[in-house]
mmCIF file of all heavy atoms, coordinates in Angstrom:
data_MODEL
# 
_entry.id   MODEL 
# 
loop_
_atom_site.group_PDB 
_atom_site.id 
_atom_site.type_symbol 
_atom_site.label_atom_id 
_atom_site.label_alt_id 
_atom_site.label_comp_id 
_atom_site.label_asym_id 
_atom_site.label_entity_id 
_atom_site.label_seq_id 
_atom_site.pdbx_PDB_ins_code 
_atom_site.Cartn_x 
_atom_site.Cartn_y 
_atom_site.Cartn_z 
_atom_site.occupancy 
_atom_site.B_iso_or_equiv 
_atom_site.pdbx_formal_charge 
_atom_site.auth_seq_id 
_atom_site.auth_comp_id 
_atom_site.auth_asym_id 
_atom_site.auth_atom_id 
_atom_site.pdbx_PDB_model_num 
ATOM 1   N N   . PHE A 1 1  ? -3.842 -6.983  -10.852 1.00 0.00 ? 1  PHE A N   1 
ATOM 2   C CA  . PHE A 1 1  ? -4.235 -6.267  -9.645  1.00 0.00 ? 1  PHE A CA  1 
ATOM 3   C C   . PHE A 1 1  ? -3.596 -6.960  -8.452  1.00 0.00 ? 1  PHE A C   1 
ATOM 4   O O   . PHE A 1 1  ? -3.502 -8.192  -8.420  1.00 0.00 ? 1  PHE A O   1 
ATOM 5   C CB  . PHE A 1 1  ? -5.757 -6.273  -9.476  1.00 0.00 ? 1  PHE A CB  1 
ATOM 6   C CG  . PHE A 1 1  ? -6.501 -5.476  -10.523 1.00 0.00 ? 1  PHE A CG  1 
ATOM 7   C CD1 . PHE A 1 1  ? -7.517 -6.071  -11.253 1.00 0.00 ? 1  PHE A CD1 1 
ATOM 8   C CD2 . PHE A 1 1  ? -6.203 -4.146  -10.757 1.00 0.00 ? 1  PHE A CD2 1 
ATOM 9   C CE1 . PHE A 1 1  ? -8.228 -5.357  -12.201 1.00 0.00 ? 1  PHE A CE1 1 
ATOM 10  C CE2 . PHE A 1 1  ? -6.899 -3.416  -11.711 1.00 0.00 ? 1  PHE A CE2 1 
ATOM 11  C CZ  . PHE A 1 1  ? -7.915 -4.017  -12.441 1.00 0.00 ? 1  PHE A CZ  1 
ATOM 12  N N   . LEU A 1 2  ? -3.170 -6.182  -7.473  1.00 0.00 ? 2  LEU A N   1 
ATOM 13  C CA  . LEU A 1 2  ? -2.566 -6.758  -6.274  1.00 0.00 ? 2  LEU A CA  1 
ATOM 14  C C   . LEU A 1 2  ? -3.584 -6.813  -5.142  1.00 0.00 ? 2  LEU A C   1 
ATOM 15  O O   . LEU A 1 2  ? -4.268 -5.828  -4.862  1.00 0.00 ? 2  LEU A O   1 
ATOM 16  C CB  . LEU A 1 2  ? -1.372 -5.913  -5.816  1.00 0.00 ? 2  LEU A CB  1 
ATOM 17  C CG  . LEU A 1 2  ? -0.091 -5.988  -6.652  1.00 0.00 ? 2  LEU A CG  1 
ATOM 18  C CD1 . LEU A 1 2  ? 0.980  -5.106  -6.025  1.00 0.00 ? 2  LEU A CD1 1 
ATOM 19  C CD2 . LEU A 1 2  ? 0.418  -7.429  -6.752  1.00 0.00 ? 2  LEU A CD2 1 
ATOM 20  N N   . SER A 1 3  ? -3.692 -7.982  -4.503  1.00 0.00 ? 3  SER A N   1 
ATOM 21  C CA  . SER A 1 3  ? -4.529 -8.101  -3.310  1.00 0.00 ? 3  SER A CA  1 
ATOM 22  C C   . SER A 1 3  ? -3.681 -8.103  -2.052  1.00 0.00 ? 3  SER A C   1 
ATOM 23  O O   . SER A 1 3  ? -4.154 -7.786  -0.960  1.00 0.00 ? 3  SER A O   1 
ATOM 24  C CB  . SER A 1 3  ? -5.366 -9.381  -3.372  1.00 0.00 ? 3  SER A CB  1 
ATOM 25  O OG  . SER A 1 3  ? -4.539 -10.512 -3.542  1.00 0.00 ? 3  SER A OG  1 
ATOM 26  N N   . THR A 1 4  ? -2.414 -8.469  -2.218  1.00 0.00 ? 4  THR A N   1 
ATOM 27  C CA  . THR A 1 4  ? -1.439 -8.404  -1.122  1.00 0.00 ? 4  THR A CA  1 
ATOM 28  C C   . THR A 1 4  ? -0.118 -7.891  -1.698  1.00 0.00 ? 4  THR A C   1 
ATOM 29  O O   . THR A 1 4  ? 0.182  -8.122  -2.870  1.00 0.00 ? 4  THR A O   1 
ATOM 30  C CB  . THR A 1 4  ? -1.188 -9.792  -0.493  1.00 0.00 ? 4  THR A CB  1 
ATOM 31  O OG1 . THR A 1 4  ? -0.769 -10.708 -1.518  1.00 0.00 ? 4  THR A OG1 1 
ATOM 32  C CG2 . THR A 1 4  ? -2.454 -10.308 0.176   1.00 0.00 ? 4  THR A CG2 1 
ATOM 33  N N   . PRO A 1 5  ? 0.681  -7.204  -0.909  1.00 0.00 ? 5  PRO A N   1 
ATOM 34  C CA  . PRO A 1 5  ? 1.922  -6.633  -1.434  1.00 0.00 ? 5  PRO A CA  1 
ATOM 35  C C   . PRO A 1 5  ? 3.046  -7.654  -1.536  1.00 0.00 ? 5  PRO A C   1 
ATOM 36  O O   . PRO A 1 5  ? 3.161  -8.549  -0.699  1.00 0.00 ? 5  PRO A O   1 
ATOM 37  C CB  . PRO A 1 5  ? 2.267  -5.556  -0.407  1.00 0.00 ? 5  PRO A CB  1 
ATOM 38  C CG  . PRO A 1 5  ? 1.667  -6.055  0.871   1.00 0.00 ? 5  PRO A CG  1 
ATOM 39  C CD  . PRO A 1 5  ? 0.413  -6.783  0.474   1.00 0.00 ? 5  PRO A CD  1 
ATOM 40  N N   . VAL A 1 6  ? 3.863  -7.544  -2.562  1.00 0.00 ? 6  VAL A N   1 
ATOM 41  C CA  . VAL A 1 6  ? 5.124  -8.278  -2.623  1.00 0.00 ? 6  VAL A CA  1 
ATOM 42  C C   . VAL A 1 6  ? 6.082  -7.665  -1.599  1.00 0.00 ? 6  VAL A C   1 
ATOM 43  O O   . VAL A 1 6  ? 6.803  -8.362  -0.903  1.00 0.00 ? 6  VAL A O   1 
ATOM 44  C CB  . VAL A 1 6  ? 5.707  -8.211  -4.045  1.00 0.00 ? 6  VAL A CB  1 
ATOM 45  C CG1 . VAL A 1 6  ? 7.092  -8.855  -4.093  1.00 0.00 ? 6  VAL A CG1 1 
ATOM 46  C CG2 . VAL A 1 6  ? 4.776  -8.879  -5.039  1.00 0.00 ? 6  VAL A CG2 1 
ATOM 47  N N   . ALA A 1 7  ? 6.057  -6.333  -1.550  1.00 0.00 ? 7  ALA A N   1 
ATOM 48  C CA  . ALA A 1 7  ? 6.824  -5.580  -0.553  1.00 0.00 ? 7  ALA A CA  1 
ATOM 49  C C   . ALA A 1 7  ? 6.140  -4.232  -0.392  1.00 0.00 ? 7  ALA A C   1 
ATOM 50  O O   . ALA A 1 7  ? 5.361  -3.820  -1.250  1.00 0.00 ? 7  ALA A O   1 
ATOM 51  C CB  . ALA A 1 7  ? 8.269  -5.402  -1.002  1.00 0.00 ? 7  ALA A CB  1 
ATOM 52  N N   . ILE A 1 8  ? 6.415  -3.578  0.713   1.00 0.00 ? 8  ILE A N   1 
ATOM 53  C CA  . ILE A 1 8  ? 5.859  -2.247  0.960   1.00 0.00 ? 8  ILE A CA  1 
ATOM 54  C C   . ILE A 1 8  ? 7.013  -1.254  1.015   1.00 0.00 ? 8  ILE A C   1 
ATOM 55  O O   . ILE A 1 8  ? 8.052  -1.526  1.627   1.00 0.00 ? 8  ILE A O   1 
ATOM 56  C CB  . ILE A 1 8  ? 5.056  -2.211  2.281   1.00 0.00 ? 8  ILE A CB  1 
ATOM 57  C CG1 . ILE A 1 8  ? 3.873  -3.169  2.192   1.00 0.00 ? 8  ILE A CG1 1 
ATOM 58  C CG2 . ILE A 1 8  ? 4.579  -0.794  2.584   1.00 0.00 ? 8  ILE A CG2 1 
ATOM 59  C CD1 . ILE A 1 8  ? 3.080  -3.288  3.493   1.00 0.00 ? 8  ILE A CD1 1 
ATOM 60  N N   . LYS A 1 9  ? 6.831  -0.121  0.350   1.00 0.00 ? 9  LYS A N   1 
ATOM 61  C CA  . LYS A 1 9  ? 7.920  0.845   0.259   1.00 0.00 ? 9  LYS A CA  1 
ATOM 62  C C   . LYS A 1 9  ? 7.385  2.264   0.390   1.00 0.00 ? 9  LYS A C   1 
ATOM 63  O O   . LYS A 1 9  ? 6.295  2.569   -0.080  1.00 0.00 ? 9  LYS A O   1 
ATOM 64  C CB  . LYS A 1 9  ? 8.612  0.675   -1.104  1.00 0.00 ? 9  LYS A CB  1 
ATOM 65  C CG  . LYS A 1 9  ? 9.913  1.425   -1.274  1.00 0.00 ? 9  LYS A CG  1 
ATOM 66  C CD  . LYS A 1 9  ? 10.621 0.936   -2.534  1.00 0.00 ? 9  LYS A CD  1 
ATOM 67  C CE  . LYS A 1 9  ? 12.044 1.454   -2.608  1.00 0.00 ? 9  LYS A CE  1 
ATOM 68  N NZ  . LYS A 1 9  ? 12.800 0.846   -3.724  1.00 0.00 ? 9  LYS A NZ  1 
ATOM 69  N N   . LYS A 1 10 ? 8.176  3.130   1.018   1.00 0.00 ? 10 LYS A N   1 
ATOM 70  C CA  . LYS A 1 10 ? 7.827  4.549   1.049   1.00 0.00 ? 10 LYS A CA  1 
ATOM 71  C C   . LYS A 1 10 ? 8.234  5.165   -0.281  1.00 0.00 ? 10 LYS A C   1 
ATOM 72  O O   . LYS A 1 10 ? 9.370  4.997   -0.723  1.00 0.00 ? 10 LYS A O   1 
ATOM 73  C CB  . LYS A 1 10 ? 8.530  5.261   2.206   1.00 0.00 ? 10 LYS A CB  1 
ATOM 74  C CG  . LYS A 1 10 ? 7.842  5.082   3.541   1.00 0.00 ? 10 LYS A CG  1 
ATOM 75  C CD  . LYS A 1 10 ? 8.167  6.224   4.472   1.00 0.00 ? 10 LYS A CD  1 
ATOM 76  C CE  . LYS A 1 10 ? 7.382  6.129   5.775   1.00 0.00 ? 10 LYS A CE  1 
ATOM 77  N NZ  . LYS A 1 10 ? 5.958  6.375   5.577   1.00 0.00 ? 10 LYS A NZ  1 
ATOM 78  N N   . VAL A 1 11 ? 7.284  5.850   -0.906  1.00 0.00 ? 11 VAL A N   1 
ATOM 79  C CA  . VAL A 1 11 ? 7.555  6.458   -2.207  1.00 0.00 ? 11 VAL A CA  1 
ATOM 80  C C   . VAL A 1 11 ? 7.337  7.961   -2.112  1.00 0.00 ? 11 VAL A C   1 
ATOM 81  O O   . VAL A 1 11 ? 6.633  8.457   -1.231  1.00 0.00 ? 11 VAL A O   1 
ATOM 82  C CB  . VAL A 1 11 ? 6.664  5.853   -3.305  1.00 0.00 ? 11 VAL A CB  1 
ATOM 83  C CG1 . VAL A 1 11 ? 6.925  4.361   -3.440  1.00 0.00 ? 11 VAL A CG1 1 
ATOM 84  C CG2 . VAL A 1 11 ? 5.186  6.125   -3.042  1.00 0.00 ? 11 VAL A CG2 1 
ATOM 85  N N   . GLN A 1 12 ? 7.949  8.675   -3.052  1.00 0.00 ? 12 GLN A N   1 
ATOM 86  C CA  . GLN A 1 12 ? 7.890  10.133  -3.036  1.00 0.00 ? 12 GLN A CA  1 
ATOM 87  C C   . GLN A 1 12 ? 7.250  10.655  -4.304  1.00 0.00 ? 12 GLN A C   1 
ATOM 88  O O   . GLN A 1 12 ? 7.639  10.306  -5.416  1.00 0.00 ? 12 GLN A O   1 
ATOM 89  C CB  . GLN A 1 12 ? 9.304  10.720  -2.892  1.00 0.00 ? 12 GLN A CB  1 
ATOM 90  C CG  . GLN A 1 12 ? 9.335  12.233  -2.809  1.00 0.00 ? 12 GLN A CG  1 
ATOM 91  C CD  . GLN A 1 12 ? 10.742 12.778  -2.645  1.00 0.00 ? 12 GLN A CD  1 
ATOM 92  O OE1 . GLN A 1 12 ? 11.688 12.014  -2.464  1.00 0.00 ? 12 GLN A OE1 1 
ATOM 93  N NE2 . GLN A 1 12 ? 10.876 14.090  -2.732  1.00 0.00 ? 12 GLN A NE2 1 
ATOM 94  N N   . VAL A 1 13 ? 6.228  11.513  -4.141  1.00 0.00 ? 13 VAL A N   1 
ATOM 95  C CA  . VAL A 1 13 ? 5.602  12.242  -5.247  1.00 0.00 ? 13 VAL A CA  1 
ATOM 96  C C   . VAL A 1 13 ? 5.700  13.716  -4.902  1.00 0.00 ? 13 VAL A C   1 
ATOM 97  O O   . VAL A 1 13 ? 5.020  14.190  -3.983  1.00 0.00 ? 13 VAL A O   1 
ATOM 98  C CB  . VAL A 1 13 ? 4.122  11.847  -5.436  1.00 0.00 ? 13 VAL A CB  1 
ATOM 99  C CG1 . VAL A 1 13 ? 3.574  12.460  -6.716  1.00 0.00 ? 13 VAL A CG1 1 
ATOM 100 C CG2 . VAL A 1 13 ? 3.945  10.347  -5.445  1.00 0.00 ? 13 VAL A CG2 1 
ATOM 101 N N   . TRP A 1 14 ? 6.586  14.433  -5.596  1.00 0.00 ? 14 TRP A N   1 
ATOM 102 C CA  . TRP A 1 14 ? 6.889  15.814  -5.236  1.00 0.00 ? 14 TRP A CA  1 
ATOM 103 C C   . TRP A 1 14 ? 7.300  15.880  -3.764  1.00 0.00 ? 14 TRP A C   1 
ATOM 104 O O   . TRP A 1 14 ? 8.205  15.207  -3.357  1.00 0.00 ? 14 TRP A O   1 
ATOM 105 C CB  . TRP A 1 14 ? 5.721  16.742  -5.581  1.00 0.00 ? 14 TRP A CB  1 
ATOM 106 C CG  . TRP A 1 14 ? 5.425  16.759  -7.058  1.00 0.00 ? 14 TRP A CG  1 
ATOM 107 C CD1 . TRP A 1 14 ? 4.310  16.287  -7.694  1.00 0.00 ? 14 TRP A CD1 1 
ATOM 108 C CD2 . TRP A 1 14 ? 6.293  17.235  -8.093  1.00 0.00 ? 14 TRP A CD2 1 
ATOM 109 N NE1 . TRP A 1 14 ? 4.419  16.441  -9.052  1.00 0.00 ? 14 TRP A NE1 1 
ATOM 110 C CE2 . TRP A 1 14 ? 5.616  17.028  -9.322  1.00 0.00 ? 14 TRP A CE2 1 
ATOM 111 C CE3 . TRP A 1 14 ? 7.556  17.825  -8.115  1.00 0.00 ? 14 TRP A CE3 1 
ATOM 112 C CZ2 . TRP A 1 14 ? 6.174  17.387  -10.553 1.00 0.00 ? 14 TRP A CZ2 1 
ATOM 113 C CZ3 . TRP A 1 14 ? 8.117  18.180  -9.333  1.00 0.00 ? 14 TRP A CZ3 1 
ATOM 114 C CH2 . TRP A 1 14 ? 7.422  17.963  -10.533 1.00 0.00 ? 14 TRP A CH2 1 
ATOM 115 N N   . ASP A 1 15 ? 6.598  16.653  -2.943  1.00 0.00 ? 15 ASP A N   1 
ATOM 116 C CA  . ASP A 1 15 ? 6.997  16.777  -1.537  1.00 0.00 ? 15 ASP A CA  1 
ATOM 117 C C   . ASP A 1 15 ? 6.297  15.765  -0.634  1.00 0.00 ? 15 ASP A C   1 
ATOM 118 O O   . ASP A 1 15 ? 6.508  15.767  0.591   1.00 0.00 ? 15 ASP A O   1 
ATOM 119 C CB  . ASP A 1 15 ? 6.695  18.189  -1.025  1.00 0.00 ? 15 ASP A CB  1 
ATOM 120 C CG  . ASP A 1 15 ? 7.541  19.251  -1.715  1.00 0.00 ? 15 ASP A CG  1 
ATOM 121 O OD1 . ASP A 1 15 ? 8.675  18.925  -2.112  1.00 0.00 ? 15 ASP A OD1 1 
ATOM 122 O OD2 . ASP A 1 15 ? 7.058  20.392  -1.859  1.00 0.00 ? 15 ASP A OD2 1 
ATOM 123 N N   . ASP A 1 16 ? 5.450  14.931  -1.212  1.00 0.00 ? 16 ASP A N   1 
ATOM 124 C CA  . ASP A 1 16 ? 4.686  13.965  -0.413  1.00 0.00 ? 16 ASP A CA  1 
ATOM 125 C C   . ASP A 1 16 ? 5.400  12.620  -0.330  1.00 0.00 ? 16 ASP A C   1 
ATOM 126 O O   . ASP A 1 16 ? 6.009  12.164  -1.304  1.00 0.00 ? 16 ASP A O   1 
ATOM 127 C CB  . ASP A 1 16 ? 3.300  13.732  -1.030  1.00 0.00 ? 16 ASP A CB  1 
ATOM 128 C CG  . ASP A 1 16 ? 2.447  14.988  -1.026  1.00 0.00 ? 16 ASP A CG  1 
ATOM 129 O OD1 . ASP A 1 16 ? 2.668  15.850  -0.151  1.00 0.00 ? 16 ASP A OD1 1 
ATOM 130 O OD2 . ASP A 1 16 ? 1.568  15.102  -1.895  1.00 0.00 ? 16 ASP A OD2 1 
ATOM 131 N N   . GLU A 1 17 ? 5.283  11.988  0.836   1.00 0.00 ? 17 GLU A N   1 
ATOM 132 C CA  . GLU A 1 17 ? 5.730  10.609  1.015   1.00 0.00 ? 17 GLU A CA  1 
ATOM 133 C C   . GLU A 1 17 ? 4.543  9.761   1.438   1.00 0.00 ? 17 GLU A C   1 
ATOM 134 O O   . GLU A 1 17 ? 3.730  10.188  2.266   1.00 0.00 ? 17 GLU A O   1 
ATOM 135 C CB  . GLU A 1 17 ? 6.827  10.525  2.084   1.00 0.00 ? 17 GLU A CB  1 
ATOM 136 C CG  . GLU A 1 17 ? 8.216  10.734  1.546   1.00 0.00 ? 17 GLU A CG  1 
ATOM 137 C CD  . GLU A 1 17 ? 9.284  10.278  2.530   1.00 0.00 ? 17 GLU A CD  1 
ATOM 138 O OE1 . GLU A 1 17 ? 8.955  9.984   3.690   1.00 0.00 ? 17 GLU A OE1 1 
ATOM 139 O OE2 . GLU A 1 17 ? 10.453 10.214  2.117   1.00 0.00 ? 17 GLU A OE2 1 
ATOM 140 N N   . CYS A 1 18 ? 4.426  8.581   0.860   1.00 0.00 ? 18 CYS A N   1 
ATOM 141 C CA  . CYS A 1 18 ? 3.348  7.682   1.253   1.00 0.00 ? 18 CYS A CA  1 
ATOM 142 C C   . CYS A 1 18 ? 3.780  6.245   0.978   1.00 0.00 ? 18 CYS A C   1 
ATOM 143 O O   . CYS A 1 18 ? 4.775  6.001   0.294   1.00 0.00 ? 18 CYS A O   1 
ATOM 144 C CB  . CYS A 1 18 ? 2.052  8.012   0.517   1.00 0.00 ? 18 CYS A CB  1 
ATOM 145 S SG  . CYS A 1 18 ? 2.155  7.924   -1.288  1.00 0.00 ? 18 CYS A SG  1 
ATOM 146 N N   . GLU A 1 19 ? 3.020  5.295   1.522   1.00 0.00 ? 19 GLU A N   1 
ATOM 147 C CA  . GLU A 1 19 ? 3.366  3.886   1.349   1.00 0.00 ? 19 GLU A CA  1 
ATOM 148 C C   . GLU A 1 19 ? 2.700  3.311   0.107   1.00 0.00 ? 19 GLU A C   1 
ATOM 149 O O   . GLU A 1 19 ? 1.550  3.638   -0.207  1.00 0.00 ? 19 GLU A O   1 
ATOM 150 C CB  . GLU A 1 19 ? 2.949  3.073   2.572   1.00 0.00 ? 19 GLU A CB  1 
ATOM 151 C CG  . GLU A 1 19 ? 3.844  3.303   3.771   1.00 0.00 ? 19 GLU A CG  1 
ATOM 152 C CD  . GLU A 1 19 ? 3.583  2.304   4.873   1.00 0.00 ? 19 GLU A CD  1 
ATOM 153 O OE1 . GLU A 1 19 ? 2.507  1.658   4.871   1.00 0.00 ? 19 GLU A OE1 1 
ATOM 154 O OE2 . GLU A 1 19 ? 4.449  2.154   5.763   1.00 0.00 ? 19 GLU A OE2 1 
ATOM 155 N N   . ALA A 1 20 ? 3.435  2.463   -0.600  1.00 0.00 ? 20 ALA A N   1 
ATOM 156 C CA  . ALA A 1 20 ? 2.915  1.806   -1.790  1.00 0.00 ? 20 ALA A CA  1 
ATOM 157 C C   . ALA A 1 20 ? 3.372  0.355   -1.809  1.00 0.00 ? 20 ALA A C   1 
ATOM 158 O O   . ALA A 1 20 ? 4.325  -0.027  -1.121  1.00 0.00 ? 20 ALA A O   1 
ATOM 159 C CB  . ALA A 1 20 ? 3.404  2.526   -3.046  1.00 0.00 ? 20 ALA A CB  1 
ATOM 160 N N   . TRP A 1 21 ? 2.668  -0.437  -2.596  1.00 0.00 ? 21 TRP A N   1 
ATOM 161 C CA  . TRP A 1 21 ? 3.004  -1.851  -2.755  1.00 0.00 ? 21 TRP A CA  1 
ATOM 162 C C   . TRP A 1 21 ? 3.874  -2.026  -3.991  1.00 0.00 ? 21 TRP A C   1 
ATOM 163 O O   . TRP A 1 21 ? 3.556  -1.511  -5.074  1.00 0.00 ? 21 TRP A O   1 
ATOM 164 C CB  . TRP A 1 21 ? 1.731  -2.678  -2.903  1.00 0.00 ? 21 TRP A CB  1 
ATOM 165 C CG  . TRP A 1 21 ? 0.877  -2.718  -1.673  1.00 0.00 ? 21 TRP A CG  1 
ATOM 166 C CD1 . TRP A 1 21 ? 1.146  -2.161  -0.456  1.00 0.00 ? 21 TRP A CD1 1 
ATOM 167 C CD2 . TRP A 1 21 ? -0.393 -3.367  -1.548  1.00 0.00 ? 21 TRP A CD2 1 
ATOM 168 N NE1 . TRP A 1 21 ? 0.132  -2.419  0.427   1.00 0.00 ? 21 TRP A NE1 1 
ATOM 169 C CE2 . TRP A 1 21 ? -0.835 -3.163  -0.218  1.00 0.00 ? 21 TRP A CE2 1 
ATOM 170 C CE3 . TRP A 1 21 ? -1.199 -4.101  -2.407  1.00 0.00 ? 21 TRP A CE3 1 
ATOM 171 C CZ2 . TRP A 1 21 ? -2.040 -3.659  0.253   1.00 0.00 ? 21 TRP A CZ2 1 
ATOM 172 C CZ3 . TRP A 1 21 ? -2.412 -4.597  -1.948  1.00 0.00 ? 21 TRP A CZ3 1 
ATOM 173 C CH2 . TRP A 1 21 ? -2.827 -4.384  -0.622  1.00 0.00 ? 21 TRP A CH2 1 
ATOM 174 N N   . VAL A 1 22 ? 4.948  -2.777  -3.841  1.00 0.00 ? 22 VAL A N   1 
ATOM 175 C CA  . VAL A 1 22 ? 5.912  -2.983  -4.926  1.00 0.00 ? 22 VAL A CA  1 
ATOM 176 C C   . VAL A 1 22 ? 5.599  -4.281  -5.658  1.00 0.00 ? 22 VAL A C   1 
ATOM 177 O O   . VAL A 1 22 ? 5.258  -5.299  -5.049  1.00 0.00 ? 22 VAL A O   1 
ATOM 178 C CB  . VAL A 1 22 ? 7.354  -3.025  -4.366  1.00 0.00 ? 22 VAL A CB  1 
ATOM 179 C CG1 . VAL A 1 22 ? 8.362  -3.124  -5.511  1.00 0.00 ? 22 VAL A CG1 1 
ATOM 180 C CG2 . VAL A 1 22 ? 7.641  -1.797  -3.504  1.00 0.00 ? 22 VAL A CG2 1 
ATOM 181 N N   . TYR A 1 23 ? 5.746  -4.249  -6.989  1.00 0.00 ? 23 TYR A N   1 
ATOM 182 C CA  . TYR A 1 23 ? 5.563  -5.453  -7.793  1.00 0.00 ? 23 TYR A CA  1 
ATOM 183 C C   . TYR A 1 23 ? 6.833  -6.293  -7.811  1.00 0.00 ? 23 TYR A C   1 
ATOM 184 O O   . TYR A 1 23 ? 7.899  -5.859  -7.354  1.00 0.00 ? 23 TYR A O   1 
ATOM 185 C CB  . TYR A 1 23 ? 5.153  -5.079  -9.225  1.00 0.00 ? 23 TYR A CB  1 
ATOM 186 C CG  . TYR A 1 23 ? 3.663  -4.850  -9.360  1.00 0.00 ? 23 TYR A CG  1 
ATOM 187 C CD1 . TYR A 1 23 ? 3.098  -3.621  -9.043  1.00 0.00 ? 23 TYR A CD1 1 
ATOM 188 C CD2 . TYR A 1 23 ? 2.816  -5.867  -9.784  1.00 0.00 ? 23 TYR A CD2 1 
ATOM 189 C CE1 . TYR A 1 23 ? 1.726  -3.409  -9.162  1.00 0.00 ? 23 TYR A CE1 1 
ATOM 190 C CE2 . TYR A 1 23 ? 1.437  -5.669  -9.899  1.00 0.00 ? 23 TYR A CE2 1 
ATOM 191 C CZ  . TYR A 1 23 ? 0.905  -4.443  -9.586  1.00 0.00 ? 23 TYR A CZ  1 
ATOM 192 O OH  . TYR A 1 23 ? -0.443 -4.247  -9.690  1.00 0.00 ? 23 TYR A OH  1 
ATOM 193 N N   . ASP A 1 24 ? 6.716  -7.491  -8.374  1.00 0.00 ? 24 ASP A N   1 
ATOM 194 C CA  . ASP A 1 24 ? 7.850  -8.422  -8.362  1.00 0.00 ? 24 ASP A CA  1 
ATOM 195 C C   . ASP A 1 24 ? 8.877  -8.061  -9.434  1.00 0.00 ? 24 ASP A C   1 
ATOM 196 O O   . ASP A 1 24 ? 8.656  -7.205  -10.290 1.00 0.00 ? 24 ASP A O   1 
ATOM 197 C CB  . ASP A 1 24 ? 7.368  -9.868  -8.522  1.00 0.00 ? 24 ASP A CB  1 
ATOM 198 C CG  . ASP A 1 24 ? 6.650  -10.115 -9.833  1.00 0.00 ? 24 ASP A CG  1 
ATOM 199 O OD1 . ASP A 1 24 ? 7.074  -9.580  -10.882 1.00 0.00 ? 24 ASP A OD1 1 
ATOM 200 O OD2 . ASP A 1 24 ? 5.649  -10.848 -9.832  1.00 0.00 ? 24 ASP A OD2 1 
ATOM 201 N N   . ASP A 1 25 ? 10.011 -8.753  -9.389  1.00 0.00 ? 25 ASP A N   1 
ATOM 202 C CA  . ASP A 1 25 ? 11.134 -8.433  -10.271 1.00 0.00 ? 25 ASP A CA  1 
ATOM 203 C C   . ASP A 1 25 ? 10.822 -8.675  -11.740 1.00 0.00 ? 25 ASP A C   1 
ATOM 204 O O   . ASP A 1 25 ? 11.381 -7.995  -12.611 1.00 0.00 ? 25 ASP A O   1 
ATOM 205 C CB  . ASP A 1 25 ? 12.368 -9.253  -9.869  1.00 0.00 ? 25 ASP A CB  1 
ATOM 206 C CG  . ASP A 1 25 ? 12.984 -8.774  -8.555  1.00 0.00 ? 25 ASP A CG  1 
ATOM 207 O OD1 . ASP A 1 25 ? 12.661 -7.644  -8.140  1.00 0.00 ? 25 ASP A OD1 1 
ATOM 208 O OD2 . ASP A 1 25 ? 13.765 -9.537  -7.956  1.00 0.00 ? 25 ASP A OD2 1 
ATOM 209 N N   . VAL A 1 26 ? 9.962  -9.626  -12.042 1.00 0.00 ? 26 VAL A N   1 
ATOM 210 C CA  . VAL A 1 26 ? 9.627  -9.899  -13.447 1.00 0.00 ? 26 VAL A CA  1 
ATOM 211 C C   . VAL A 1 26 ? 9.020  -8.657  -14.089 1.00 0.00 ? 26 VAL A C   1 
ATOM 212 O O   . VAL A 1 26 ? 9.397  -8.245  -15.200 1.00 0.00 ? 26 VAL A O   1 
ATOM 213 C CB  . VAL A 1 26 ? 8.662  -11.097 -13.562 1.00 0.00 ? 26 VAL A CB  1 
ATOM 214 C CG1 . VAL A 1 26 ? 8.176  -11.247 -14.999 1.00 0.00 ? 26 VAL A CG1 1 
ATOM 215 C CG2 . VAL A 1 26 ? 9.341  -12.371 -13.094 1.00 0.00 ? 26 VAL A CG2 1 
ATOM 216 N N   . ILE A 1 27 ? 8.074  -8.045  -13.412 1.00 0.00 ? 27 ILE A N   1 
ATOM 217 C CA  . ILE A 1 27 ? 7.431  -6.846  -13.935 1.00 0.00 ? 27 ILE A CA  1 
ATOM 218 C C   . ILE A 1 27 ? 8.384  -5.658  -13.904 1.00 0.00 ? 27 ILE A C   1 
ATOM 219 O O   . ILE A 1 27 ? 8.497  -4.899  -14.874 1.00 0.00 ? 27 ILE A O   1 
ATOM 220 C CB  . ILE A 1 27 ? 6.146  -6.558  -13.137 1.00 0.00 ? 27 ILE A CB  1 
ATOM 221 C CG1 . ILE A 1 27 ? 5.095  -7.613  -13.495 1.00 0.00 ? 27 ILE A CG1 1 
ATOM 222 C CG2 . ILE A 1 27 ? 5.626  -5.140  -13.406 1.00 0.00 ? 27 ILE A CG2 1 
ATOM 223 C CD1 . ILE A 1 27 ? 3.840  -7.571  -12.655 1.00 0.00 ? 27 ILE A CD1 1 
ATOM 224 N N   . ASN A 1 28 ? 9.113  -5.515  -12.816 1.00 0.00 ? 28 ASN A N   1 
ATOM 225 C CA  . ASN A 1 28 ? 10.051 -4.389  -12.711 1.00 0.00 ? 28 ASN A CA  1 
ATOM 226 C C   . ASN A 1 28 ? 11.151 -4.478  -13.765 1.00 0.00 ? 28 ASN A C   1 
ATOM 227 O O   . ASN A 1 28 ? 11.560 -3.455  -14.341 1.00 0.00 ? 28 ASN A O   1 
ATOM 228 C CB  . ASN A 1 28 ? 10.668 -4.348  -11.312 1.00 0.00 ? 28 ASN A CB  1 
ATOM 229 C CG  . ASN A 1 28 ? 9.627  -4.075  -10.246 1.00 0.00 ? 28 ASN A CG  1 
ATOM 230 O OD1 . ASN A 1 28 ? 8.602  -3.451  -10.509 1.00 0.00 ? 28 ASN A OD1 1 
ATOM 231 N ND2 . ASN A 1 28 ? 9.882  -4.534  -9.033  1.00 0.00 ? 28 ASN A ND2 1 
# 
């Protein structure tokens, strides 16, 4: 679980855009 973001990114779900927290490179 994340309590603070590694990074914040705008993400797209269909026509919606919203902010999400990105995980680190190990997980990605």
